[in-house]
Amino acid sequence: MFVLSFLAVETAVWVVAVSVAVSLALLLIIVVAPWKDVREEPELDEETETRLLLGEDPEAIERDLEAREEERRQRVANLRPREEE
């Protein structure tokens, strides 16, 4: 009887040990794997990041940024010297 209970305890210890090892390996993969892709992404400016975190629609943010960029281009184009006639 003692031998059977000892084998059951030993088996349970092995099952727990293997489960812990597999869990730690999966956790490591989940944490480490995406870091290369995250590092390669361009950094967001603070306003865009804040608006995304506040739950604004990304398409609306993109439209606003494109409108600002177009306005900036127009201002720069207005600085172009006029051709003399």
Protein backbone atom coordinates (compact mmCIF):
# COMPACT_ATOMS: atom_id res chain seq x y z
CA MET A 1 0.00 0.00 0.00
CA PHE A 2 2.83 2.34 0.88
CA VAL A 3 4.52 1.68 -2.46
CA LEU A 4 1.37 2.65 -4.37
CA SER A 5 0.93 5.89 -2.46
CA PHE A 6 4.64 6.69 -2.94
CA LEU A 7 4.32 6.14 -6.71
CA ALA A 8 1.21 8.32 -6.83
CA VAL A 9 3.00 11.14 -4.99
CA GLU A 10 6.07 10.77 -7.18
CA THR A 11 3.92 10.84 -10.33
CA ALA A 12 2.08 13.92 -9.08
CA VAL A 13 5.39 15.66 -8.39
CA TRP A 14 6.59 14.91 -11.93
CA VAL A 15 3.32 16.10 -13.45
CA VAL A 16 3.49 19.35 -11.49
CA ALA A 17 7.17 19.86 -12.37
CA VAL A 18 6.57 19.31 -16.08
CA SER A 19 3.52 21.58 -16.00
CA VAL A 20 5.49 24.36 -14.32
CA ALA A 21 8.34 24.00 -16.81
CA VAL A 22 5.99 24.14 -19.80
CA SER A 23 4.14 27.12 -18.32
CA LEU A 24 7.37 29.04 -17.76
CA ALA A 25 8.56 28.27 -21.28
CA LEU A 26 5.26 29.50 -22.76
CA LEU A 27 5.34 32.63 -20.62
CA LEU A 28 8.88 33.35 -21.78
CA ILE A 29 7.85 32.90 -25.42
CA ILE A 30 4.82 35.18 -24.98
CA VAL A 31 6.90 37.93 -23.37
CA VAL A 32 10.07 37.77 -25.46
CA ALA A 33 8.77 36.92 -28.95
CA PRO A 34 7.01 40.20 -29.84
CA TRP A 35 9.82 42.50 -28.66
CA LYS A 36 11.67 42.49 -31.99
CA ASP A 37 8.55 43.62 -33.85
CA VAL A 38 7.77 46.21 -31.21
CA ARG A 39 11.25 47.71 -31.44
CA GLU A 40 10.98 48.00 -35.24
CA GLU A 41 7.75 50.03 -35.13
CA PRO A 42 8.08 53.80 -35.45
CA GLU A 43 7.36 55.72 -32.27
CA LEU A 44 4.02 57.53 -32.03
CA ASP A 45 3.91 61.18 -31.09
CA GLU A 46 2.42 61.95 -27.68
CA GLU A 47 -0.85 63.40 -28.98
CA THR A 48 -1.61 60.41 -31.21
CA GLU A 49 -0.76 57.94 -28.45
CA THR A 50 -2.95 59.82 -25.97
CA ARG A 51 -5.89 59.94 -28.38
CA LEU A 52 -5.58 56.20 -29.05
CA LEU A 53 -5.43 55.42 -25.33
CA LEU A 54 -8.53 57.55 -24.76
CA GLY A 55 -10.39 55.36 -27.26
CA GLU A 56 -10.71 57.69 -30.24
CA ASP A 57 -11.26 56.18 -33.67
CA PRO A 58 -7.87 55.57 -35.37
CA GLU A 59 -9.32 56.55 -38.75
CA ALA A 60 -10.45 59.93 -37.35
CA ILE A 61 -6.98 60.48 -35.92
CA GLU A 62 -5.44 59.64 -39.29
CA ARG A 63 -7.76 62.09 -41.08
CA ASP A 64 -6.80 64.83 -38.61
CA LEU A 65 -3.10 64.14 -39.09
CA GLU A 66 -3.45 64.16 -42.88
CA ALA A 67 -5.34 67.48 -42.73
CA ARG A 68 -2.60 68.99 -40.57
CA GLU A 69 0.09 67.71 -42.92
CA GLU A 70 -1.73 69.18 -45.92
CA GLU A 71 -2.06 72.53 -44.11
CA ARG A 72 1.65 72.47 -43.33
CA ARG A 73 2.48 71.77 -46.98
CA GLN A 74 0.31 74.66 -48.10
CA ARG A 75 2.04 77.02 -45.70
CA VAL A 76 5.43 75.90 -46.98
CA ALA A 77 4.28 76.24 -50.59
CA ASN A 78 3.26 79.83 -49.87
CA LEU A 79 6.87 80.57 -48.95
CA ARG A 80 8.03 79.72 -52.46
CA PRO A 81 9.48 82.81 -54.18
CA ARG A 82 7.25 84.22 -56.86
CA GLU A 83 8.59 84.12 -60.36
CA GLU A 84 9.18 87.52 -61.81
CA GLU A 85 7.18 88.28 -64.89
